[in-house]
Protein backbone atom coordinates (compact mmCIF):
# COMPACT_ATOMS: atom_id res chain seq x y z
CA MET A 1 13.93 3.38 -12.49
CA SER A 2 11.60 3.13 -9.52
CA LYS A 3 12.92 2.60 -6.02
CA ILE A 4 12.30 -0.86 -4.53
CA ILE A 5 13.26 -1.46 -0.92
CA GLU A 6 14.75 -4.75 0.26
CA GLY A 7 12.99 -6.23 3.27
CA LEU A 8 9.51 -5.12 2.26
CA LEU A 9 6.94 -7.40 0.68
CA TYR A 10 5.01 -6.39 -2.43
CA SER A 11 1.73 -7.33 -4.09
CA GLU A 12 1.22 -7.68 -7.83
CA SER A 13 -1.18 -4.71 -7.57
CA HIS A 14 1.77 -2.56 -6.37
CA GLU A 15 1.09 -2.26 -2.63
CA TRP A 16 4.02 -2.68 -0.23
CA VAL A 17 3.90 -4.28 3.20
CA LYS A 18 6.25 -3.76 6.11
CA VAL A 19 5.72 -6.36 8.82
CA ASP A 20 5.98 -5.14 12.42
CA GLY A 21 5.09 -8.08 14.65
CA ASN A 22 1.45 -8.86 13.86
CA VAL A 23 0.87 -5.49 12.16
CA ALA A 24 1.17 -4.92 8.43
CA ILE A 25 2.06 -1.35 7.47
CA ILE A 26 0.70 -0.84 3.95
CA GLY A 27 1.39 1.72 1.25
CA VAL A 28 1.80 1.91 -2.52
CA SER A 29 5.09 1.38 -4.29
CA ASP A 30 7.27 4.02 -5.85
CA PHE A 31 6.52 2.41 -9.22
CA ALA A 32 2.76 2.83 -8.65
CA GLN A 33 2.98 6.49 -7.68
CA SER A 34 5.29 7.26 -10.62
CA GLU A 35 2.86 5.60 -13.05
CA MET A 36 -0.08 7.55 -11.60
CA GLY A 37 1.53 10.99 -11.61
CA ASP A 38 0.49 13.67 -9.11
CA ILE A 39 -1.79 12.06 -6.53
CA THR A 40 -4.68 14.35 -5.62
CA TYR A 41 -6.83 12.18 -3.33
CA VAL A 42 -6.45 9.14 -1.08
CA GLU A 43 -9.46 7.13 0.07
CA MET A 44 -8.77 4.91 3.09
CA PRO A 45 -10.81 2.50 5.20
CA ASP A 46 -11.72 3.59 8.72
CA VAL A 47 -10.00 2.37 11.87
CA ASP A 48 -11.65 -0.88 13.07
CA ASP A 49 -12.78 -1.78 9.53
CA GLU A 50 -12.08 -5.38 8.58
CA ILE A 51 -10.32 -5.81 5.24
CA VAL A 52 -9.85 -9.00 3.22
CA ALA A 53 -6.77 -9.84 1.16
CA GLY A 54 -7.46 -9.31 -2.53
CA ASP A 55 -10.43 -6.99 -1.94
CA ASP A 56 -10.48 -3.25 -2.61
CA CYS A 57 -9.97 -1.26 0.59
CA GLY A 58 -9.54 2.27 -0.71
CA ALA A 59 -8.45 4.24 -3.74
CA LEU A 60 -5.92 6.72 -5.05
CA GLU A 61 -6.75 9.41 -7.55
CA SER A 62 -4.35 11.45 -9.63
CA VAL A 63 -4.69 14.02 -12.34
CA LYS A 64 -4.61 11.29 -14.99
CA THR A 65 -6.11 8.16 -13.41
CA SER A 66 -7.58 6.46 -10.39
CA SER A 67 -6.49 3.18 -8.89
CA GLU A 68 -8.02 0.89 -6.30
CA LEU A 69 -6.05 0.12 -3.16
CA VAL A 70 -6.09 -3.67 -2.91
CA ALA A 71 -5.61 -5.25 0.52
CA PRO A 72 -2.46 -7.39 0.50
CA VAL A 73 -3.46 -9.03 3.81
CA SER A 74 -6.62 -9.59 5.83
CA GLY A 75 -7.29 -8.10 9.24
CA LYS A 76 -8.51 -5.11 11.22
CA VAL A 77 -7.39 -1.57 10.39
CA VAL A 78 -5.67 -0.22 13.50
CA ALA A 79 -4.38 3.09 12.08
CA ARG A 80 -4.67 5.28 9.01
CA ASN A 81 -2.38 8.03 7.80
CA ASP A 82 -4.76 10.96 8.14
CA ALA A 83 -2.05 13.36 6.91
CA LEU A 84 -2.77 12.01 3.42
CA GLU A 85 -6.26 13.52 3.47
CA ASP A 86 -4.80 17.02 3.32
CA GLN A 87 -1.47 16.13 1.69
CA PRO A 88 -1.94 13.24 -0.77
CA GLU A 89 1.21 14.41 -2.55
CA LEU A 90 3.24 12.92 0.33
CA ILE A 91 2.94 9.61 -1.56
CA ASN A 92 4.63 11.20 -4.61
CA GLU A 93 7.36 12.67 -2.43
CA ASP A 94 8.28 9.36 -0.74
CA ALA A 95 6.03 6.37 -1.37
CA TYR A 96 7.74 4.32 1.33
CA GLU A 97 7.49 6.94 4.09
CA ALA A 98 3.85 7.78 3.28
CA TRP A 99 2.18 4.60 4.56
CA ILE A 100 -1.58 4.50 4.08
CA ILE A 101 -2.96 2.06 6.68
CA LYS A 102 -1.79 -0.29 9.42
CA VAL A 103 -3.59 -3.62 9.75
CA GLU A 104 -3.58 -6.15 12.56
CA MET A 105 -3.25 -9.31 10.50
CA SER A 106 -5.72 -12.15 11.00
CA ASP A 107 -3.58 -14.63 9.03
CA LYS A 108 0.16 -14.03 8.76
CA GLY A 109 0.30 -16.95 6.32
CA GLU A 110 -1.09 -14.58 3.68
CA LEU A 111 2.33 -12.91 3.64
CA ASP A 112 3.66 -15.98 1.82
CA ALA A 113 1.65 -14.98 -1.26
CA LEU A 114 3.45 -11.62 -1.52
CA LEU A 115 6.60 -10.91 -3.52
CA ASN A 116 10.07 -10.11 -2.23
CA ALA A 117 11.94 -7.13 -3.67
CA ALA A 118 13.68 -9.13 -6.42
CA ALA A 119 10.44 -10.73 -7.62
CA TYR A 120 8.62 -7.39 -7.51
CA ALA A 121 11.40 -5.76 -9.55
CA GLU A 122 10.55 -8.19 -12.36
CA ILE A 123 6.98 -6.85 -12.67
CA ALA A 124 7.63 -3.19 -11.82
CA LYS A 125 9.22 -2.23 -15.12
């Protein structure tokens, strides 16, 4: 069974969000990385890019598939995990430590549309 962490928020497209003040730290869930297999490439938006909730903002590629990274919230990218460019396998090793981007949220109300751990567990089977 995949690891799901209490206190994080989740999207139906399997991104997780950790809220730190007005910043959303975003990654992909353990379920998503386990379904994809060995991740070989991570495409991320650039710092200062504006992303919109529900829109694609990057991609993950593995040996067997590729998957779009869907923005769970809107806002400006304030950081990206550049370590993933050279070591995309960090996501396979610990999906919750290997965050992908940090976003200064433009509308914290969008968090209400995300799932808590219990609700996410129902779809991550």
